[in-house]
N, C-alpha and C. Protein backbone atom coordinates (compact mmCIF):
# COMPACT_ATOMS: atom_id res chain seq x y z
N UNK A 1 0.83 -1.19 0.00
CA UNK A 1 0.00 0.00 0.00
C UNK A 1 0.88 1.25 0.00
N UNK A 2 0.54 2.23 -0.75
CA UNK A 2 1.32 3.46 -0.75
C UNK A 2 1.29 4.10 0.63
N UNK A 3 2.41 4.67 1.03
CA UNK A 3 2.51 5.33 2.33
C UNK A 3 2.89 4.39 3.46
N UNK A 4 2.83 3.07 3.24
CA UNK A 4 3.20 2.13 4.28
C UNK A 4 4.68 1.80 4.25
N UNK A 5 5.32 1.99 3.12
CA UNK A 5 6.73 1.65 3.00
C UNK A 5 7.56 2.63 3.81
N UNK A 6 8.64 2.17 4.38
CA UNK A 6 9.54 3.00 5.16
C UNK A 6 10.81 3.18 4.36
N UNK A 7 11.27 4.43 4.21
CA UNK A 7 12.43 4.71 3.38
C UNK A 7 13.69 4.02 3.92
N UNK A 8 13.90 4.05 5.23
CA UNK A 8 15.05 3.39 5.84
C UNK A 8 14.53 2.14 6.53
N UNK A 9 15.01 0.97 6.10
CA UNK A 9 14.50 -0.28 6.65
C UNK A 9 15.33 -0.82 7.79
N UNK A 10 16.65 -0.63 7.78
CA UNK A 10 17.52 -1.19 8.80
C UNK A 10 18.28 -0.08 9.51
N UNK A 11 18.19 -0.06 10.84
CA UNK A 11 18.83 0.98 11.63
C UNK A 11 19.67 0.37 12.74
N UNK A 12 20.73 1.06 13.10
CA UNK A 12 21.52 0.73 14.27
C UNK A 12 21.47 1.95 15.18
N UNK A 13 20.99 1.74 16.43
CA UNK A 13 20.76 2.85 17.33
C UNK A 13 21.59 2.70 18.61
N UNK A 14 22.30 3.73 18.97
CA UNK A 14 23.01 3.77 20.24
C UNK A 14 22.09 4.37 21.29
N UNK A 15 22.08 3.79 22.49
CA UNK A 15 21.17 4.24 23.55
C UNK A 15 21.99 4.61 24.79
N UNK A 16 21.75 5.81 25.32
CA UNK A 16 22.39 6.28 26.54
C UNK A 16 21.34 6.36 27.63
N UNK A 17 21.57 5.73 28.79
CA UNK A 17 20.58 5.76 29.86
C UNK A 17 20.41 7.16 30.45
N UNK A 18 19.18 7.49 30.81
CA UNK A 18 18.90 8.75 31.49
C UNK A 18 19.06 8.54 33.00
N UNK A 19 18.64 7.36 33.48
CA UNK A 19 18.84 7.02 34.88
C UNK A 19 19.83 5.87 34.95
N UNK A 20 19.50 4.79 35.62
CA UNK A 20 20.41 3.64 35.68
C UNK A 20 20.28 2.81 34.40
N UNK A 21 21.33 2.05 34.06
CA UNK A 21 21.31 1.26 32.84
C UNK A 21 20.40 0.05 32.99
N UNK A 22 20.53 -0.75 34.05
CA UNK A 22 19.70 -1.93 34.23
C UNK A 22 19.68 -2.80 33.00
N UNK A 23 18.51 -2.99 32.42
CA UNK A 23 18.35 -3.82 31.23
C UNK A 23 18.32 -3.00 29.94
N UNK A 24 18.62 -1.71 30.03
CA UNK A 24 18.67 -0.92 28.80
C UNK A 24 19.88 -1.32 27.97
N UNK A 25 19.67 -1.66 26.71
CA UNK A 25 20.81 -2.00 25.86
C UNK A 25 21.56 -0.73 25.46
N UNK A 26 22.86 -0.85 25.25
CA UNK A 26 23.63 0.31 24.79
C UNK A 26 23.48 0.49 23.28
N UNK A 27 23.04 -0.57 22.61
CA UNK A 27 22.80 -0.50 21.17
C UNK A 27 21.64 -1.42 20.80
N UNK A 28 20.83 -0.97 19.86
CA UNK A 28 19.68 -1.74 19.37
C UNK A 28 19.70 -1.69 17.85
N UNK A 29 19.55 -2.85 17.24
CA UNK A 29 19.41 -2.92 15.78
C UNK A 29 17.93 -3.16 15.47
N UNK A 30 17.41 -2.41 14.53
CA UNK A 30 15.99 -2.50 14.18
C UNK A 30 15.86 -2.71 12.69
N UNK A 31 15.12 -3.72 12.32
CA UNK A 31 14.80 -3.99 10.92
C UNK A 31 13.29 -3.80 10.77
N UNK A 32 12.88 -2.73 10.11
CA UNK A 32 11.47 -2.48 9.86
C UNK A 32 11.02 -3.38 8.73
N UNK A 33 10.02 -4.18 8.98
CA UNK A 33 9.53 -5.11 7.97
C UNK A 33 8.47 -4.41 7.13
N UNK A 34 8.77 -4.21 5.86
CA UNK A 34 7.91 -3.43 4.95
C UNK A 34 6.49 -3.96 4.92
N UNK A 35 5.55 -3.03 4.93
CA UNK A 35 4.12 -3.30 4.80
C UNK A 35 3.59 -4.25 5.88
N UNK A 36 4.26 -4.31 7.04
CA UNK A 36 3.79 -5.16 8.12
C UNK A 36 3.69 -4.34 9.40
N UNK A 37 3.18 -4.95 10.41
CA UNK A 37 3.06 -4.28 11.71
C UNK A 37 4.09 -4.85 12.68
N UNK A 38 5.21 -5.30 12.13
CA UNK A 38 6.26 -5.90 12.94
C UNK A 38 7.62 -5.32 12.58
N UNK A 39 8.54 -5.43 13.54
CA UNK A 39 9.94 -5.08 13.30
C UNK A 39 10.77 -6.15 13.98
N UNK A 40 11.95 -6.42 13.44
CA UNK A 40 12.89 -7.35 14.07
C UNK A 40 13.87 -6.51 14.88
N UNK A 41 14.00 -6.83 16.18
CA UNK A 41 14.86 -6.07 17.08
C UNK A 41 15.95 -6.99 17.61
N UNK A 42 17.17 -6.46 17.67
CA UNK A 42 18.27 -7.26 18.16
C UNK A 42 19.26 -6.39 18.92
N UNK A 43 20.01 -7.01 19.81
CA UNK A 43 21.16 -6.42 20.48
C UNK A 43 22.03 -7.57 20.97
N UNK A 44 23.11 -7.28 21.64
CA UNK A 44 24.02 -8.35 22.08
C UNK A 44 23.32 -9.37 22.97
N UNK A 45 22.51 -8.90 23.93
CA UNK A 45 21.81 -9.81 24.84
C UNK A 45 20.85 -10.72 24.08
N UNK A 46 20.08 -10.16 23.17
CA UNK A 46 19.12 -10.95 22.39
C UNK A 46 19.85 -11.99 21.55
N UNK A 47 20.94 -11.60 20.90
CA UNK A 47 21.70 -12.54 20.07
C UNK A 47 22.28 -13.68 20.91
N UNK A 48 22.82 -13.35 22.10
CA UNK A 48 23.39 -14.39 22.97
C UNK A 48 22.30 -15.32 23.50
N UNK A 49 21.15 -14.77 23.86
CA UNK A 49 20.09 -15.56 24.48
C UNK A 49 19.25 -16.35 23.48
N UNK A 50 18.90 -15.71 22.37
CA UNK A 50 17.96 -16.30 21.42
C UNK A 50 18.61 -16.73 20.10
N UNK A 51 19.76 -16.19 19.78
CA UNK A 51 20.44 -16.53 18.54
C UNK A 51 19.81 -15.90 17.31
N UNK A 52 18.84 -15.05 17.50
CA UNK A 52 18.16 -14.37 16.39
C UNK A 52 17.40 -13.17 16.95
N UNK A 53 17.00 -12.23 16.10
CA UNK A 53 16.22 -11.08 16.57
C UNK A 53 14.85 -11.52 17.12
N UNK A 54 14.28 -10.68 17.97
CA UNK A 54 12.91 -10.90 18.44
C UNK A 54 11.99 -9.97 17.64
N UNK A 55 10.73 -10.35 17.56
CA UNK A 55 9.77 -9.52 16.84
C UNK A 55 9.15 -8.50 17.78
N UNK A 56 9.00 -7.29 17.28
CA UNK A 56 8.37 -6.21 18.03
C UNK A 56 7.11 -5.79 17.29
N UNK A 57 6.06 -5.47 18.05
CA UNK A 57 4.87 -4.87 17.44
C UNK A 57 5.25 -3.47 17.00
N UNK A 58 4.86 -3.10 15.81
CA UNK A 58 5.21 -1.82 15.23
C UNK A 58 3.93 -1.05 14.93
N UNK A 59 3.85 0.15 15.46
CA UNK A 59 2.66 0.97 15.23
C UNK A 59 3.11 2.36 14.80
N UNK A 60 2.53 2.81 13.69
CA UNK A 60 2.84 4.16 13.21
C UNK A 60 2.16 5.16 14.14
N UNK A 61 2.96 6.07 14.68
CA UNK A 61 2.43 7.08 15.60
C UNK A 61 2.09 8.37 14.86
N UNK A 62 2.91 8.69 13.86
CA UNK A 62 2.67 9.86 13.02
C UNK A 62 3.35 9.58 11.68
N UNK A 63 3.39 10.57 10.83
CA UNK A 63 4.02 10.39 9.52
C UNK A 63 5.48 9.94 9.63
N UNK A 64 6.18 10.41 10.67
CA UNK A 64 7.61 10.13 10.77
C UNK A 64 8.01 9.34 12.02
N UNK A 65 7.04 8.89 12.83
CA UNK A 65 7.46 8.17 14.03
C UNK A 65 6.67 6.87 14.22
N UNK A 66 7.34 5.94 14.91
CA UNK A 66 6.79 4.62 15.18
C UNK A 66 6.97 4.29 16.65
N UNK A 67 6.09 3.44 17.16
CA UNK A 67 6.23 2.88 18.50
C UNK A 67 6.47 1.38 18.33
N UNK A 68 7.50 0.87 18.99
CA UNK A 68 7.83 -0.55 18.95
C UNK A 68 7.67 -1.10 20.37
N UNK A 69 7.08 -2.29 20.50
CA UNK A 69 6.93 -2.97 21.78
C UNK A 69 7.40 -4.40 21.64
N UNK A 70 8.29 -4.83 22.58
CA UNK A 70 8.75 -6.22 22.57
C UNK A 70 9.10 -6.63 24.00
N UNK A 71 9.21 -7.95 24.21
CA UNK A 71 9.56 -8.49 25.51
C UNK A 71 10.74 -9.43 25.37
N UNK A 72 11.58 -9.46 26.42
CA UNK A 72 12.74 -10.34 26.46
C UNK A 72 12.82 -10.93 27.87
N UNK A 73 13.10 -12.21 27.94
CA UNK A 73 13.28 -12.89 29.22
C UNK A 73 14.73 -12.68 29.68
N UNK A 74 14.90 -12.08 30.86
CA UNK A 74 16.22 -11.84 31.43
C UNK A 74 16.43 -12.72 32.64
N UNK A 75 17.67 -13.15 32.90
CA UNK A 75 17.92 -14.02 34.05
C UNK A 75 17.74 -13.32 35.38
N UNK A 76 17.88 -11.99 35.42
CA UNK A 76 17.67 -11.23 36.65
C UNK A 76 16.76 -10.06 36.38
N UNK A 77 15.90 -9.73 37.35
CA UNK A 77 14.96 -8.62 37.19
C UNK A 77 15.66 -7.28 37.25
N UNK A 78 14.90 -6.22 37.03
CA UNK A 78 15.45 -4.87 37.05
C UNK A 78 16.01 -4.52 38.42
N UNK A 79 15.44 -5.07 39.49
CA UNK A 79 15.89 -4.71 40.83
C UNK A 79 16.57 -5.84 41.58
N UNK A 80 16.77 -7.00 40.99
CA UNK A 80 17.37 -8.10 41.73
C UNK A 80 17.74 -9.26 40.86
N UNK A 81 18.16 -10.37 41.48
CA UNK A 81 18.68 -11.51 40.74
C UNK A 81 17.62 -12.47 40.19
N UNK A 82 16.34 -12.28 40.49
CA UNK A 82 15.31 -13.20 40.02
C UNK A 82 15.07 -13.03 38.53
N UNK A 83 14.75 -14.14 37.83
CA UNK A 83 14.42 -14.03 36.40
C UNK A 83 13.20 -13.14 36.20
N UNK A 84 13.17 -12.45 35.08
CA UNK A 84 12.06 -11.55 34.79
C UNK A 84 11.87 -11.37 33.30
N UNK A 85 10.63 -11.19 32.91
CA UNK A 85 10.33 -10.78 31.55
C UNK A 85 10.35 -9.26 31.55
N UNK A 86 11.19 -8.68 30.69
CA UNK A 86 11.31 -7.23 30.62
C UNK A 86 10.60 -6.75 29.37
N UNK A 87 9.73 -5.76 29.56
CA UNK A 87 8.98 -5.17 28.45
C UNK A 87 9.73 -3.92 27.98
N UNK A 88 9.92 -3.83 26.67
CA UNK A 88 10.59 -2.68 26.08
C UNK A 88 9.59 -1.92 25.21
N UNK A 89 9.66 -0.61 25.31
CA UNK A 89 8.86 0.27 24.45
C UNK A 89 9.83 1.29 23.89
N UNK A 90 9.84 1.43 22.59
CA UNK A 90 10.72 2.40 21.95
C UNK A 90 9.90 3.30 21.03
N UNK A 91 10.23 4.57 21.04
CA UNK A 91 9.64 5.52 20.10
C UNK A 91 10.76 5.92 19.15
N UNK A 92 10.54 5.65 17.87
CA UNK A 92 11.54 5.89 16.84
C UNK A 92 11.05 7.01 15.93
N UNK A 93 11.85 8.07 15.85
CA UNK A 93 11.53 9.20 14.98
C UNK A 93 12.39 9.08 13.73
N UNK A 94 11.75 8.79 12.61
CA UNK A 94 12.48 8.59 11.35
C UNK A 94 12.95 9.90 10.73
N UNK A 95 12.34 11.01 11.11
CA UNK A 95 12.72 12.29 10.54
C UNK A 95 14.11 12.70 11.03
N UNK A 96 14.36 12.59 12.34
CA UNK A 96 15.66 12.99 12.87
C UNK A 96 16.50 11.81 13.36
N UNK A 97 16.00 10.58 13.13
CA UNK A 97 16.68 9.33 13.51
C UNK A 97 17.04 9.30 14.99
N UNK A 98 16.09 9.71 15.84
CA UNK A 98 16.25 9.65 17.29
C UNK A 98 15.38 8.54 17.85
N UNK A 99 15.80 7.97 18.99
CA UNK A 99 15.04 6.90 19.63
C UNK A 99 15.00 7.14 21.14
N UNK A 100 13.88 6.77 21.75
CA UNK A 100 13.73 6.74 23.20
C UNK A 100 13.31 5.32 23.55
N UNK A 101 13.99 4.71 24.53
CA UNK A 101 13.70 3.33 24.93
C UNK A 101 13.34 3.31 26.40
N UNK A 102 12.27 2.59 26.74
CA UNK A 102 11.82 2.42 28.11
C UNK A 102 11.81 0.93 28.42
N UNK A 103 12.44 0.53 29.52
CA UNK A 103 12.44 -0.87 29.96
C UNK A 103 11.69 -0.96 31.28
N UNK A 104 10.77 -1.94 31.38
CA UNK A 104 10.02 -2.13 32.61
C UNK A 104 9.59 -3.58 32.73
N UNK A 105 9.26 -3.98 33.96
CA UNK A 105 8.77 -5.33 34.21
C UNK A 105 7.26 -5.27 34.33
N UNK A 106 6.52 -5.98 33.47
CA UNK A 106 5.06 -5.99 33.57
C UNK A 106 4.62 -6.51 34.93
N UNK A 107 3.74 -5.77 35.60
CA UNK A 107 3.23 -6.19 36.89
C UNK A 107 4.28 -6.17 37.99
N UNK A 108 5.44 -5.61 37.70
CA UNK A 108 6.54 -5.60 38.66
C UNK A 108 6.45 -4.45 39.63
N UNK A 109 7.57 -4.11 40.19
CA UNK A 109 7.65 -3.09 41.23
C UNK A 109 7.50 -1.68 40.69
N UNK A 110 7.36 -1.54 39.40
CA UNK A 110 7.23 -0.21 38.81
C UNK A 110 8.58 0.39 38.45
N UNK A 111 9.67 -0.36 38.62
CA UNK A 111 10.99 0.14 38.26
C UNK A 111 11.06 0.25 36.74
N UNK A 112 11.38 1.45 36.29
CA UNK A 112 11.50 1.69 34.85
C UNK A 112 12.82 2.35 34.57
N UNK A 113 13.38 2.01 33.44
CA UNK A 113 14.61 2.65 33.01
C UNK A 113 14.37 3.26 31.64
N UNK A 114 14.93 4.44 31.44
CA UNK A 114 14.70 5.16 30.20
C UNK A 114 16.03 5.60 29.62
N UNK A 115 16.13 5.51 28.31
CA UNK A 115 17.32 5.96 27.61
C UNK A 115 16.96 6.61 26.29
N UNK A 116 17.85 7.42 25.79
CA UNK A 116 17.64 8.08 24.50
C UNK A 116 18.88 7.86 23.64
N UNK A 117 18.72 8.03 22.35
CA UNK A 117 19.86 7.87 21.48
C UNK A 117 19.58 8.30 20.05
N UNK A 118 20.58 8.04 19.23
CA UNK A 118 20.52 8.35 17.81
C UNK A 118 20.69 7.09 17.00
N UNK A 119 20.14 7.10 15.81
CA UNK A 119 20.21 5.95 14.93
C UNK A 119 20.90 6.31 13.63
N UNK A 120 21.43 5.29 12.97
CA UNK A 120 22.04 5.45 11.65
C UNK A 120 21.61 4.27 10.80
N UNK A 121 21.62 4.47 9.50
CA UNK A 121 21.31 3.38 8.59
C UNK A 121 22.32 2.27 8.79
N UNK A 122 21.82 1.05 8.97
CA UNK A 122 22.71 -0.09 9.21
C UNK A 122 23.21 -0.65 7.89
N UNK A 123 24.46 -1.08 7.89
CA UNK A 123 25.03 -1.73 6.71
C UNK A 123 24.49 -3.14 6.63
N UNK A 124 24.17 -3.56 5.44
CA UNK A 124 23.67 -4.92 5.26
C UNK A 124 24.80 -5.82 4.90
């Protein structure tokens, strides 16, 4: 469908924490899947744990921005050593190639970590 295609399909984004790092990745790779409501997300932790990218729900927020949501199972929670499923929410602005990432535990203690960063077109 016209208007659904994304000009930049593969991005590499560096993320700097605003508060504590916790489960915030320092880098995230995003592959926007054309004409779909999904994106493939990867970082060092995902590659080591799963051996492949995880799928994120992709929702167009405006003409130039998207919201991505995905979950990853971590061996320790945001506040301690217990295993936890960590929910990630990222807002990606394609106009200025900026990203904001929020990590939180669903139903958890409410501990959230937030980071911001810049993205660049990834080499294939």
